[in-house]
């Protein structure tokens, strides 16, 4: 049993926090929206008034928030985690943020005697609910070993990628492959329809061959069914691609496919579709030349 804190009780954070609580750990939570913590409080978690209060009650605090600025605020602002952490405590940030932001936060926390891991995840809401997430870890190996029992409650694949920021590098690579595949599925189904073929039959044919993939299975089904209700909101992938391209620019690394996908995501956002599922990339292709 460990004293654990969790901040970021959204679509993924809430089931993750529940797993940590139900596995026998003490759990302290804080949420900007108090109603988000309801299921956790009912299961035995302790509600805290501030992030600092969460840190005072915890050996390890997990954060699962939207972006780098959010992590920085939760960690370092007045009443932030840093005001409550004891020396030797650990911040595990499972958000998707820029690698350099993760490194900067780790340096500033280390100056106060606080350890940090960047440990973004892949697997989406269903992976969080089923505790089958892939966890990509950056930071000291010894710190990872201290929290590995907690990670094993949350996921099936735990990979120590390297030092601070390396987990975020791996997550950026994950997003490049995943969203690039979603764009490829959208283009294939759009092309098939334009050429007179039934998109459902095209998807069925592709699924049995070398083009078969998770993106084709899940996102292709959404496109065929015209079901664009959010699984993961497209605005989050747009945010992730901004991180990818900014890091690529900093490193001088050409990413031509990712740059093109980013433009499609930008067009999606301009349409006001950021709260829809990323499968709505299909509609961007359909709208070209149609005025829609």
Protein backbone atom coordinates (compact mmCIF):
# COMPACT_ATOMS: atom_id res chain seq x y z
CA UNK A 1 0.00 0.00 0.00
CA UNK A 2 1.21 3.49 -0.88
CA UNK A 3 -0.09 6.97 -0.27
CA UNK A 4 -1.01 8.13 -3.77
CA UNK A 5 -2.45 11.35 -5.20
CA UNK A 6 -4.19 11.87 -8.53
CA UNK A 7 -4.96 15.11 -10.39
CA UNK A 8 -6.75 15.08 -13.73
CA UNK A 9 -9.94 13.06 -13.33
CA UNK A 10 -11.18 13.14 -16.89
CA UNK A 11 -12.07 10.41 -19.35
CA UNK A 12 -8.84 8.51 -18.73
CA UNK A 13 -7.70 9.79 -15.36
CA UNK A 14 -10.82 8.75 -13.47
CA UNK A 15 -10.64 5.00 -14.28
CA UNK A 16 -6.88 5.03 -13.72
CA UNK A 17 -7.32 6.60 -10.28
CA UNK A 18 -10.02 4.04 -9.45
CA UNK A 19 -7.64 1.19 -10.29
CA UNK A 20 -5.02 2.65 -7.95
CA UNK A 21 -7.58 2.99 -5.15
CA UNK A 22 -9.10 -0.47 -5.60
CA UNK A 23 -5.68 -2.10 -5.56
CA UNK A 24 -5.33 -1.10 -1.91
CA UNK A 25 -3.60 2.27 -2.02
CA UNK A 26 -4.68 5.33 -0.09
CA UNK A 27 -5.82 7.94 -2.62
CA UNK A 28 -6.07 11.71 -2.37
CA UNK A 29 -7.61 13.71 -5.23
CA UNK A 30 -8.14 17.29 -6.32
CA UNK A 31 -10.20 18.41 -9.30
CA UNK A 32 -11.00 21.80 -10.79
CA UNK A 33 -14.54 20.49 -11.31
CA UNK A 34 -15.62 18.97 -7.98
CA UNK A 35 -18.17 16.68 -9.65
CA UNK A 36 -15.33 14.88 -11.47
CA UNK A 37 -14.16 13.36 -8.19
CA UNK A 38 -17.59 11.99 -7.18
CA UNK A 39 -17.05 8.32 -8.14
CA UNK A 40 -13.66 8.31 -6.44
CA UNK A 41 -14.96 9.83 -3.22
CA UNK A 42 -17.75 7.24 -3.18
CA UNK A 43 -15.09 4.52 -3.48
CA UNK A 44 -13.09 5.87 -0.55
CA UNK A 45 -10.74 8.55 -1.90
CA UNK A 46 -10.05 11.71 0.09
CA UNK A 47 -11.00 15.06 -1.46
CA UNK A 48 -8.36 17.80 -1.12
CA UNK A 49 -8.84 21.56 -1.39
CA UNK A 50 -5.64 22.21 -3.38
CA UNK A 51 -2.92 20.40 -5.27
CA UNK A 52 -0.57 21.19 -2.37
CA UNK A 53 -2.91 19.30 -0.04
CA UNK A 54 -2.77 16.29 -2.37
CA UNK A 55 1.04 16.38 -2.20
CA UNK A 56 1.02 16.58 1.61
CA UNK A 57 -0.97 13.34 1.74
CA UNK A 58 1.05 11.48 -0.92
CA UNK A 59 4.34 9.76 -1.60
CA UNK A 60 3.55 9.70 -5.33
CA UNK A 61 1.23 12.02 -7.26
CA UNK A 62 -0.03 11.25 -10.76
CA UNK A 63 -1.10 14.05 -13.09
CA UNK A 64 -3.20 13.44 -16.22
CA UNK A 65 -4.05 16.89 -17.60
CA UNK A 66 -4.26 18.47 -21.04
CA UNK A 67 -0.98 20.23 -21.78
CA UNK A 68 2.39 21.38 -20.56
CA UNK A 69 1.11 24.66 -19.13
CA UNK A 70 -1.45 22.72 -17.09
CA UNK A 71 1.19 20.39 -15.65
CA UNK A 72 3.43 23.34 -14.84
CA UNK A 73 0.60 25.16 -13.07
CA UNK A 74 -0.43 22.13 -11.02
CA UNK A 75 3.18 21.45 -10.05
CA UNK A 76 4.65 24.90 -9.46
CA UNK A 77 1.91 27.50 -8.91
CA UNK A 78 0.93 28.87 -5.51
CA UNK A 79 -0.84 25.99 -3.73
CA UNK A 80 0.72 23.67 -6.30
CA UNK A 81 2.26 20.28 -5.62
CA UNK A 82 5.68 21.73 -4.87
CA UNK A 83 4.25 23.50 -1.82
CA UNK A 84 3.17 20.20 -0.27
CA UNK A 85 5.71 17.62 -1.41
CA UNK A 86 8.25 16.27 1.08
CA UNK A 87 11.79 15.68 -0.17
CA UNK A 88 12.00 12.38 -2.02
CA UNK A 89 8.38 12.48 -3.21
CA UNK A 90 7.61 11.63 -6.84
CA UNK A 91 5.56 13.36 -9.50
CA UNK A 92 4.46 11.00 -12.29
CA UNK A 93 3.12 13.04 -15.18
CA UNK A 94 1.08 10.90 -17.56
CA UNK A 95 -0.07 13.82 -19.70
CA UNK A 96 1.13 14.29 -23.28
CA UNK A 97 3.41 17.35 -23.31
CA UNK A 98 6.55 18.58 -25.05
CA UNK A 99 9.72 16.65 -24.17
CA UNK A 100 11.57 19.85 -23.30
CA UNK A 101 8.76 20.91 -20.97
CA UNK A 102 9.09 17.56 -19.16
CA UNK A 103 12.85 18.06 -18.83
CA UNK A 104 12.41 21.61 -17.54
CA UNK A 105 9.88 20.53 -14.93
CA UNK A 106 12.13 17.69 -13.81
CA UNK A 107 15.07 20.08 -13.35
CA UNK A 108 13.02 22.55 -11.30
CA UNK A 109 11.52 19.84 -9.11
CA UNK A 110 14.90 18.18 -8.62
CA UNK A 111 16.24 21.47 -7.23
CA UNK A 112 13.70 21.01 -4.42
CA UNK A 113 14.51 17.36 -3.81
CA UNK A 114 11.49 16.03 -5.72
CA UNK A 115 11.72 13.23 -8.30
CA UNK A 116 9.77 13.17 -11.56
CA UNK A 117 8.90 10.70 -14.28
CA UNK A 118 7.25 11.58 -17.58
CA UNK A 119 5.07 8.57 -18.32
CA UNK A 120 2.54 9.26 -21.08
CA UNK A 121 0.25 6.43 -22.11
CA UNK A 122 -1.36 4.90 -25.17
CA UNK A 123 -4.55 2.87 -25.26
CA UNK A 124 -7.27 5.47 -24.90
CA UNK A 125 -10.28 5.36 -22.62
CA UNK A 126 -10.82 1.63 -23.10
CA UNK A 127 -7.23 0.92 -22.20
CA UNK A 128 -7.61 3.02 -19.06
CA UNK A 129 -10.80 1.19 -18.07
CA UNK A 130 -9.31 -2.25 -18.79
CA UNK A 131 -5.93 -1.38 -17.20
CA UNK A 132 -4.15 -2.40 -20.41
CA UNK A 133 -2.36 0.87 -21.15
CA UNK A 134 1.08 1.09 -22.73
CA UNK A 135 3.20 3.30 -20.47
CA UNK A 136 6.27 5.07 -21.92
CA UNK A 137 8.60 6.20 -19.17
CA UNK A 138 11.29 8.87 -19.08
CA UNK A 139 13.40 9.49 -15.97
CA UNK A 140 15.73 7.64 -13.61
CA UNK A 141 15.43 3.86 -13.63
CA UNK A 142 15.60 3.74 -9.82
CA UNK A 143 12.57 6.03 -9.56
CA UNK A 144 10.68 3.87 -12.05
CA UNK A 145 11.31 0.82 -9.89
CA UNK A 146 9.82 2.62 -6.88
CA UNK A 147 6.54 3.18 -8.72
CA UNK A 148 6.51 0.09 -10.96
CA UNK A 149 3.91 -1.67 -8.74
CA UNK A 150 1.57 1.26 -9.37
CA UNK A 151 2.22 1.19 -13.11
CA UNK A 152 1.46 -2.53 -13.15
CA UNK A 153 -2.02 -1.70 -11.82
CA UNK A 154 -2.59 0.62 -14.80
CA UNK A 155 -1.03 -1.04 -17.80
CA UNK A 156 0.29 -4.16 -19.48
CA UNK A 157 3.31 -2.66 -21.28
CA UNK A 158 5.79 -0.59 -19.28
CA UNK A 159 8.90 0.54 -21.17
CA UNK A 160 11.70 2.65 -19.72
CA UNK A 161 12.58 4.67 -22.80
CA UNK A 162 15.37 6.76 -21.28
CA UNK A 163 16.06 9.87 -19.23
CA UNK A 164 13.67 12.76 -18.55
CA UNK A 165 11.67 13.64 -21.68
CA UNK A 166 12.22 10.29 -23.38
CA UNK A 167 8.73 9.09 -22.48
CA UNK A 168 7.30 12.14 -24.22
CA UNK A 169 9.49 11.50 -27.27
CA UNK A 170 8.04 7.99 -27.51
CA UNK A 171 4.50 9.34 -27.13
CA UNK A 172 5.13 11.84 -29.94
CA UNK A 173 6.23 8.94 -32.13
CA UNK A 174 3.09 7.04 -31.14
CA UNK A 175 0.88 9.94 -32.19
CA UNK A 176 2.69 10.32 -35.49
CA UNK A 177 2.03 6.70 -36.41
CA UNK A 178 -1.51 6.53 -35.02
CA UNK A 179 -2.97 9.77 -36.41
CA UNK A 180 -1.06 9.30 -39.67
CA UNK A 181 -2.84 5.94 -39.99
CA UNK A 182 -6.22 7.57 -39.29
CA UNK A 183 -5.54 10.06 -42.09
CA UNK A 184 -4.54 7.22 -44.42
CA UNK A 185 -7.78 5.35 -43.64
CA UNK A 186 -9.80 8.51 -44.31
CA UNK A 187 -8.09 8.99 -47.66
CA UNK A 188 -8.57 5.35 -48.67
CA UNK A 189 -12.28 5.32 -47.86
CA UNK A 190 -12.82 8.72 -49.47
CA UNK A 191 -11.00 7.58 -52.62
CA UNK A 192 -12.97 4.33 -52.68
CA UNK A 193 -16.29 6.16 -52.52
CA UNK A 194 -15.22 8.68 -55.18
CA UNK A 195 -14.23 5.79 -57.45
CA UNK A 196 -17.65 4.18 -57.06
CA UNK A 197 -16.89 1.47 -54.47
CA UNK A 198 -18.83 0.88 -51.26
CA UNK A 199 -16.59 2.15 -48.39
CA UNK A 200 -17.88 -0.60 -46.07
CA UNK A 201 -16.83 -3.28 -48.58
CA UNK A 202 -13.49 -1.54 -49.18
CA UNK A 203 -12.82 -1.54 -45.43
CA UNK A 204 -13.79 -5.22 -45.19
CA UNK A 205 -11.43 -6.11 -48.03
CA UNK A 206 -8.52 -4.14 -46.58
CA UNK A 207 -8.99 -5.62 -43.11
CA UNK A 208 -8.16 -9.09 -44.41
CA UNK A 209 -4.86 -8.06 -45.97
CA UNK A 210 -1.65 -6.25 -45.19
CA UNK A 211 -3.51 -2.94 -44.70
CA UNK A 212 -5.36 -4.38 -41.70
CA UNK A 213 -4.74 -2.26 -38.60
CA UNK A 214 -6.30 -0.96 -35.42
CA UNK A 215 -6.90 2.38 -37.16
CA UNK A 216 -8.77 0.65 -39.99
CA UNK A 217 -10.76 -1.48 -37.56
CA UNK A 218 -11.88 1.24 -35.15
CA UNK A 219 -11.64 4.54 -37.00
CA UNK A 220 -12.59 3.00 -40.33
CA UNK A 221 -15.79 1.69 -38.73
CA UNK A 222 -16.57 5.16 -37.39
CA UNK A 223 -16.07 6.65 -40.85
CA UNK A 224 -18.24 4.05 -42.58
CA UNK A 225 -20.98 4.51 -39.96
CA UNK A 226 -20.61 8.34 -40.04
CA UNK A 227 -20.21 8.19 -36.26
CA UNK A 228 -18.09 11.19 -35.33
CA UNK A 229 -19.08 11.44 -31.67
CA UNK A 230 -15.89 11.77 -29.71
CA UNK A 231 -13.94 8.78 -28.57
CA UNK A 232 -10.84 10.93 -28.26
CA UNK A 233 -11.54 14.55 -29.17
CA UNK A 234 -9.70 15.68 -32.29
CA UNK A 235 -8.51 18.84 -30.54
CA UNK A 236 -6.21 16.69 -28.40
CA UNK A 237 -4.52 15.20 -31.45
CA UNK A 238 -4.21 18.71 -32.89
CA UNK A 239 -2.44 19.71 -29.66
CA UNK A 240 -0.18 16.67 -29.85
CA UNK A 241 0.81 17.42 -33.44
CA UNK A 242 1.75 20.96 -32.48
CA UNK A 243 4.16 19.36 -29.99
CA UNK A 244 5.51 16.98 -32.66
CA UNK A 245 6.21 19.66 -35.24
CA UNK A 246 7.66 22.13 -32.73
CA UNK A 247 10.11 19.47 -31.53
CA UNK A 248 10.94 18.49 -35.11
CA UNK A 249 11.64 22.15 -35.93
CA UNK A 250 13.87 22.46 -32.87
CA UNK A 251 15.84 19.38 -33.91
CA UNK A 252 15.90 20.18 -37.63
CA UNK A 253 14.22 16.85 -38.44
CA UNK A 254 12.03 16.69 -41.58
CA UNK A 255 8.61 15.11 -41.02
CA UNK A 256 6.77 15.57 -44.33
CA UNK A 257 3.90 13.15 -43.64
CA UNK A 258 3.31 14.52 -40.15
CA UNK A 259 3.37 18.08 -41.51
CA UNK A 260 0.61 17.18 -43.98
CA UNK A 261 -1.46 15.48 -41.26
CA UNK A 262 -1.03 18.55 -39.08
CA UNK A 263 -2.49 20.71 -41.85
CA UNK A 264 -5.55 18.44 -42.01
CA UNK A 265 -5.95 18.74 -38.24
CA UNK A 266 -5.64 22.52 -38.54
CA UNK A 267 -8.42 22.50 -41.15
CA UNK A 268 -10.54 20.35 -38.84
CA UNK A 269 -10.09 22.84 -36.02
CA UNK A 270 -10.98 25.73 -38.32
CA UNK A 271 -14.29 23.99 -39.06
CA UNK A 272 -15.06 23.96 -35.33
CA UNK A 273 -14.91 20.18 -35.17
CA UNK A 274 -12.31 19.89 -32.40
CA UNK A 275 -14.74 18.24 -29.98
CA UNK A 276 -15.60 15.50 -32.47
CA UNK A 277 -13.66 12.26 -32.93
CA UNK A 278 -10.51 12.36 -35.06
CA UNK A 279 -12.36 10.14 -37.57
CA UNK A 280 -13.90 13.42 -38.72
CA UNK A 281 -10.73 13.87 -40.81
CA UNK A 282 -12.83 12.10 -43.45
CA UNK A 283 -15.17 15.09 -43.60
CA UNK A 284 -12.24 17.42 -44.26
CA UNK A 285 -11.46 15.45 -47.40
CA UNK A 286 -15.12 15.45 -48.40
CA UNK A 287 -15.39 19.19 -47.93
CA UNK A 288 -12.64 20.04 -50.43
CA UNK A 289 -14.27 21.65 -53.42
CA UNK A 290 -17.76 21.20 -52.00
CA UNK A 291 -17.92 24.41 -50.00
CA UNK A 292 -19.07 22.46 -46.93
